[in-house]
Amino acid sequence: MHTAEELSKVLKVLADSTRLTMLKQMQEGEQCACSFVDCFDISQPAISRHLKMMRQAGLLLERRDKQWIHYRLNETSPFYSIVIDLLDKIETVEANCDCETDCAI
């Protein structure tokens, strides 16, 4: 069971279509931050803010590889099942999200 405050914080993070789309892409596996810049028509600092919010809410884990940061869903989060239930309700969108930098996973 979660407190109303804890759940409210997570729901605020999930109440954004860009963040939901990013999470949906991470449901397929780990993603480099640079791939999100290639996917969305928003700046790199805006992508970083979205990722920071999701990380602070405990929804993401990160792995650094030199200058690249790779993100994945946090399967140990107490909200993981809620997030997955929501993501499973989102239509998968085919997107051209190939990272054009040398950040191969």
N, C-alpha and C. Protein backbone atom coordinates (compact mmCIF):
# COMPACT_ATOMS: atom_id res chain seq x y z
N MET A 1 0.85 -1.17 0.00
CA MET A 1 0.00 0.00 0.00
C MET A 1 0.89 1.24 0.00
N HIS A 2 0.45 2.26 -0.68
CA HIS A 2 1.22 3.50 -0.81
C HIS A 2 0.45 4.65 -0.18
N THR A 3 1.19 5.65 0.27
CA THR A 3 0.51 6.83 0.79
C THR A 3 -0.03 7.65 -0.38
N ALA A 4 -1.00 8.48 -0.10
CA ALA A 4 -1.58 9.34 -1.13
C ALA A 4 -0.52 10.28 -1.69
N GLU A 5 0.38 10.74 -0.83
CA GLU A 5 1.44 11.66 -1.28
C GLU A 5 2.40 10.96 -2.25
N GLU A 6 2.79 9.73 -1.93
CA GLU A 6 3.69 8.97 -2.80
C GLU A 6 3.05 8.72 -4.17
N LEU A 7 1.81 8.29 -4.14
CA LEU A 7 1.10 8.00 -5.38
C LEU A 7 0.87 9.27 -6.19
N SER A 8 0.57 10.36 -5.51
CA SER A 8 0.36 11.64 -6.19
C SER A 8 1.62 12.08 -6.94
N LYS A 9 2.78 11.90 -6.33
CA LYS A 9 4.05 12.27 -6.95
C LYS A 9 4.26 11.47 -8.24
N VAL A 10 4.02 10.18 -8.19
CA VAL A 10 4.19 9.33 -9.36
C VAL A 10 3.17 9.68 -10.44
N LEU A 11 1.93 9.91 -10.05
CA LEU A 11 0.90 10.26 -11.03
C LEU A 11 1.22 11.58 -11.72
N LYS A 12 1.81 12.53 -11.00
CA LYS A 12 2.21 13.80 -11.63
C LYS A 12 3.27 13.55 -12.69
N VAL A 13 4.19 12.65 -12.40
CA VAL A 13 5.23 12.32 -13.38
C VAL A 13 4.60 11.64 -14.60
N LEU A 14 3.61 10.80 -14.37
CA LEU A 14 2.97 10.07 -15.46
C LEU A 14 1.96 10.90 -16.24
N ALA A 15 1.65 12.10 -15.75
CA ALA A 15 0.62 12.93 -16.37
C ALA A 15 1.18 13.79 -17.49
N ASP A 16 2.08 13.24 -18.28
CA ASP A 16 2.68 13.97 -19.38
C ASP A 16 2.88 13.00 -20.54
N SER A 17 2.39 13.36 -21.71
CA SER A 17 2.45 12.43 -22.85
C SER A 17 3.88 12.14 -23.29
N THR A 18 4.77 13.12 -23.19
CA THR A 18 6.16 12.87 -23.57
C THR A 18 6.80 11.85 -22.64
N ARG A 19 6.60 12.02 -21.34
CA ARG A 19 7.17 11.07 -20.38
C ARG A 19 6.57 9.68 -20.56
N LEU A 20 5.27 9.60 -20.80
CA LEU A 20 4.65 8.29 -21.03
C LEU A 20 5.22 7.62 -22.27
N THR A 21 5.44 8.40 -23.32
CA THR A 21 6.02 7.85 -24.54
C THR A 21 7.45 7.37 -24.30
N MET A 22 8.21 8.14 -23.54
CA MET A 22 9.57 7.73 -23.20
C MET A 22 9.56 6.42 -22.41
N LEU A 23 8.67 6.33 -21.43
CA LEU A 23 8.55 5.11 -20.64
C LEU A 23 8.14 3.93 -21.52
N LYS A 24 7.23 4.18 -22.44
CA LYS A 24 6.78 3.12 -23.36
C LYS A 24 7.96 2.60 -24.18
N GLN A 25 8.82 3.51 -24.64
CA GLN A 25 9.99 3.08 -25.39
C GLN A 25 10.95 2.28 -24.51
N MET A 26 11.07 2.67 -23.25
CA MET A 26 11.95 1.93 -22.34
C MET A 26 11.36 0.59 -21.95
N GLN A 27 10.07 0.40 -22.16
CA GLN A 27 9.47 -0.90 -21.90
C GLN A 27 10.08 -1.95 -22.84
N GLU A 28 10.54 -1.51 -23.99
CA GLU A 28 11.19 -2.40 -24.96
C GLU A 28 12.63 -2.69 -24.58
N GLY A 29 13.19 -1.88 -23.68
CA GLY A 29 14.57 -2.09 -23.26
C GLY A 29 15.26 -0.77 -22.98
N GLU A 30 16.49 -0.88 -22.57
CA GLU A 30 17.30 0.28 -22.20
C GLU A 30 17.44 1.25 -23.38
N GLN A 31 17.39 2.54 -23.07
CA GLN A 31 17.48 3.57 -24.09
C GLN A 31 18.55 4.59 -23.71
N CYS A 32 19.31 5.03 -24.70
CA CYS A 32 20.27 6.10 -24.48
C CYS A 32 19.51 7.42 -24.47
N ALA A 33 19.93 8.33 -23.62
CA ALA A 33 19.28 9.64 -23.56
C ALA A 33 19.29 10.33 -24.92
N CYS A 34 20.36 10.12 -25.68
CA CYS A 34 20.45 10.77 -26.98
C CYS A 34 19.36 10.29 -27.95
N SER A 35 18.88 9.07 -27.78
CA SER A 35 17.83 8.57 -28.67
C SER A 35 16.53 9.33 -28.48
N PHE A 36 16.28 9.81 -27.26
CA PHE A 36 15.07 10.59 -27.02
C PHE A 36 15.14 11.95 -27.70
N VAL A 37 16.34 12.52 -27.75
CA VAL A 37 16.51 13.80 -28.45
C VAL A 37 16.18 13.62 -29.92
N ASP A 38 16.56 12.47 -30.50
CA ASP A 38 16.26 12.19 -31.90
C ASP A 38 14.78 11.92 -32.14
N CYS A 39 14.05 11.47 -31.11
CA CYS A 39 12.65 11.08 -31.25
C CYS A 39 11.66 12.24 -31.12
N PHE A 40 11.97 13.16 -30.25
CA PHE A 40 11.01 14.19 -29.89
C PHE A 40 11.44 15.55 -30.41
N ASP A 41 10.50 16.36 -30.73
CA ASP A 41 10.79 17.70 -31.24
C ASP A 41 10.94 18.68 -30.06
N ILE A 42 11.82 18.32 -29.12
CA ILE A 42 12.10 19.18 -27.98
C ILE A 42 13.60 19.15 -27.72
N SER A 43 14.06 20.11 -26.98
CA SER A 43 15.50 20.27 -26.76
C SER A 43 16.08 19.19 -25.85
N GLN A 44 17.39 19.04 -25.90
CA GLN A 44 18.08 18.10 -25.05
C GLN A 44 17.89 18.46 -23.57
N PRO A 45 17.95 19.75 -23.18
CA PRO A 45 17.70 20.08 -21.78
C PRO A 45 16.28 19.68 -21.32
N ALA A 46 15.31 19.79 -22.21
CA ALA A 46 13.95 19.39 -21.86
C ALA A 46 13.87 17.87 -21.66
N ILE A 47 14.55 17.13 -22.53
CA ILE A 47 14.61 15.67 -22.37
C ILE A 47 15.25 15.32 -21.03
N SER A 48 16.33 16.01 -20.70
CA SER A 48 17.02 15.76 -19.43
C SER A 48 16.12 16.03 -18.24
N ARG A 49 15.30 17.08 -18.31
CA ARG A 49 14.36 17.39 -17.22
C ARG A 49 13.33 16.27 -17.06
N HIS A 50 12.81 15.79 -18.18
CA HIS A 50 11.84 14.68 -18.13
C HIS A 50 12.48 13.45 -17.48
N LEU A 51 13.68 13.11 -17.92
CA LEU A 51 14.37 11.93 -17.37
C LEU A 51 14.67 12.11 -15.89
N LYS A 52 15.06 13.32 -15.50
CA LYS A 52 15.35 13.59 -14.09
C LYS A 52 14.09 13.40 -13.23
N MET A 53 12.96 13.89 -13.71
CA MET A 53 11.71 13.74 -12.95
C MET A 53 11.36 12.27 -12.76
N MET A 54 11.51 11.48 -13.82
CA MET A 54 11.17 10.06 -13.73
C MET A 54 12.16 9.32 -12.82
N ARG A 55 13.43 9.72 -12.89
CA ARG A 55 14.45 9.11 -12.04
C ARG A 55 14.20 9.45 -10.57
N GLN A 56 13.88 10.72 -10.29
CA GLN A 56 13.62 11.15 -8.91
C GLN A 56 12.38 10.47 -8.33
N ALA A 57 11.44 10.13 -9.19
CA ALA A 57 10.24 9.42 -8.73
C ALA A 57 10.52 7.93 -8.53
N GLY A 58 11.73 7.51 -8.87
CA GLY A 58 12.10 6.11 -8.69
C GLY A 58 11.65 5.19 -9.81
N LEU A 59 11.20 5.78 -10.92
CA LEU A 59 10.70 4.96 -12.02
C LEU A 59 11.79 4.47 -12.96
N LEU A 60 12.96 5.13 -12.94
CA LEU A 60 14.05 4.80 -13.84
C LEU A 60 15.34 4.49 -13.10
N LEU A 61 16.15 3.70 -13.74
CA LEU A 61 17.53 3.48 -13.32
C LEU A 61 18.41 3.93 -14.47
N GLU A 62 19.62 4.38 -14.15
CA GLU A 62 20.52 4.82 -15.20
C GLU A 62 21.83 4.07 -15.13
N ARG A 63 22.46 3.98 -16.29
CA ARG A 63 23.77 3.36 -16.41
C ARG A 63 24.63 4.27 -17.27
N ARG A 64 25.77 4.65 -16.74
CA ARG A 64 26.68 5.52 -17.48
C ARG A 64 27.69 4.67 -18.24
N ASP A 65 27.93 5.09 -19.47
CA ASP A 65 28.94 4.46 -20.32
C ASP A 65 29.70 5.59 -21.00
N LYS A 66 30.84 5.95 -20.41
CA LYS A 66 31.63 7.10 -20.84
C LYS A 66 30.75 8.34 -20.71
N GLN A 67 30.53 9.07 -21.82
CA GLN A 67 29.71 10.28 -21.71
C GLN A 67 28.22 10.00 -21.94
N TRP A 68 27.86 8.77 -22.23
CA TRP A 68 26.47 8.43 -22.52
C TRP A 68 25.77 7.92 -21.27
N ILE A 69 24.48 8.24 -21.17
CA ILE A 69 23.67 7.72 -20.07
C ILE A 69 22.53 6.92 -20.67
N HIS A 70 22.39 5.69 -20.20
CA HIS A 70 21.35 4.79 -20.67
C HIS A 70 20.34 4.60 -19.54
N TYR A 71 19.06 4.64 -19.89
CA TYR A 71 17.98 4.54 -18.91
C TYR A 71 17.16 3.29 -19.15
N ARG A 72 16.63 2.75 -18.05
CA ARG A 72 15.73 1.61 -18.12
C ARG A 72 14.70 1.73 -17.00
N LEU A 73 13.60 1.02 -17.17
CA LEU A 73 12.57 1.01 -16.14
C LEU A 73 13.12 0.36 -14.87
N ASN A 74 12.74 0.89 -13.75
CA ASN A 74 13.16 0.35 -12.46
C ASN A 74 12.16 -0.72 -12.03
N GLU A 75 12.52 -1.96 -12.25
CA GLU A 75 11.63 -3.07 -11.93
C GLU A 75 11.46 -3.27 -10.43
N THR A 76 12.30 -2.65 -9.63
CA THR A 76 12.18 -2.77 -8.17
C THR A 76 11.36 -1.63 -7.56
N SER A 77 10.92 -0.70 -8.38
CA SER A 77 10.09 0.39 -7.88
C SER A 77 8.77 -0.16 -7.34
N PRO A 78 8.29 0.38 -6.21
CA PRO A 78 7.00 -0.09 -5.70
C PRO A 78 5.84 0.27 -6.64
N PHE A 79 6.12 1.14 -7.62
CA PHE A 79 5.08 1.57 -8.57
C PHE A 79 5.24 0.90 -9.93
N TYR A 80 6.17 -0.03 -10.04
CA TYR A 80 6.45 -0.66 -11.32
C TYR A 80 5.20 -1.30 -11.93
N SER A 81 4.45 -2.03 -11.15
CA SER A 81 3.26 -2.71 -11.70
C SER A 81 2.22 -1.70 -12.18
N ILE A 82 2.09 -0.59 -11.48
CA ILE A 82 1.15 0.46 -11.91
C ILE A 82 1.60 1.04 -13.24
N VAL A 83 2.89 1.32 -13.35
CA VAL A 83 3.44 1.90 -14.58
C VAL A 83 3.25 0.93 -15.74
N ILE A 84 3.58 -0.33 -15.53
CA ILE A 84 3.44 -1.32 -16.61
C ILE A 84 1.99 -1.46 -17.03
N ASP A 85 1.06 -1.46 -16.08
CA ASP A 85 -0.36 -1.53 -16.43
C ASP A 85 -0.77 -0.36 -17.32
N LEU A 86 -0.28 0.83 -16.99
CA LEU A 86 -0.59 2.01 -17.81
C LEU A 86 0.06 1.91 -19.18
N LEU A 87 1.32 1.53 -19.22
CA LEU A 87 2.04 1.44 -20.50
C LEU A 87 1.41 0.40 -21.42
N ASP A 88 0.88 -0.67 -20.85
CA ASP A 88 0.25 -1.71 -21.67
C ASP A 88 -1.04 -1.20 -22.32
N LYS A 89 -1.57 -0.11 -21.84
CA LYS A 89 -2.78 0.47 -22.41
C LYS A 89 -2.47 1.50 -23.49
N ILE A 90 -1.19 1.82 -23.66
CA ILE A 90 -0.79 2.81 -24.66
C ILE A 90 -0.48 2.11 -25.96
N GLU A 91 -1.01 2.66 -27.03
CA GLU A 91 -0.75 2.14 -28.36
C GLU A 91 0.73 2.32 -28.69
N THR A 92 1.34 1.28 -29.21
CA THR A 92 2.74 1.37 -29.61
C THR A 92 2.83 2.21 -30.87
N VAL A 93 3.71 3.18 -30.84
CA VAL A 93 3.89 4.07 -31.99
C VAL A 93 5.24 3.77 -32.61
N GLU A 94 5.22 3.53 -33.91
CA GLU A 94 6.48 3.32 -34.61
C GLU A 94 7.14 4.68 -34.78
N ALA A 95 8.31 4.81 -34.24
CA ALA A 95 9.01 6.09 -34.31
C ALA A 95 10.42 5.86 -34.82
N ASN A 96 10.93 6.86 -35.51
CA ASN A 96 12.31 6.82 -35.97
C ASN A 96 13.17 7.42 -34.88
N CYS A 97 13.64 6.59 -34.00
CA CYS A 97 14.37 7.05 -32.82
C CYS A 97 15.79 6.54 -32.80
N ASP A 98 16.38 6.45 -33.94
CA ASP A 98 17.75 5.97 -33.99
C ASP A 98 18.71 7.06 -33.54
N CYS A 99 19.48 6.74 -32.56
CA CYS A 99 20.48 7.68 -32.09
C CYS A 99 21.57 7.79 -33.14
N GLU A 100 21.85 9.00 -33.56
CA GLU A 100 22.84 9.21 -34.61
C GLU A 100 24.25 9.38 -34.06
N THR A 101 24.41 9.30 -32.76
CA THR A 101 25.74 9.42 -32.16
C THR A 101 26.28 8.03 -31.90
N ASP A 102 27.52 7.96 -31.50
CA ASP A 102 28.17 6.68 -31.27
C ASP A 102 27.95 6.24 -29.83
N CYS A 103 26.72 5.87 -29.50
CA CYS A 103 26.41 5.50 -28.12
C CYS A 103 25.83 4.09 -28.06
N ALA A 104 26.30 3.23 -28.91
CA ALA A 104 25.75 1.87 -28.97
C ALA A 104 25.75 1.21 -27.60
N ILE A 105 24.66 0.54 -27.30
CA ILE A 105 24.50 -0.13 -26.01
C ILE A 105 25.29 -1.42 -26.01
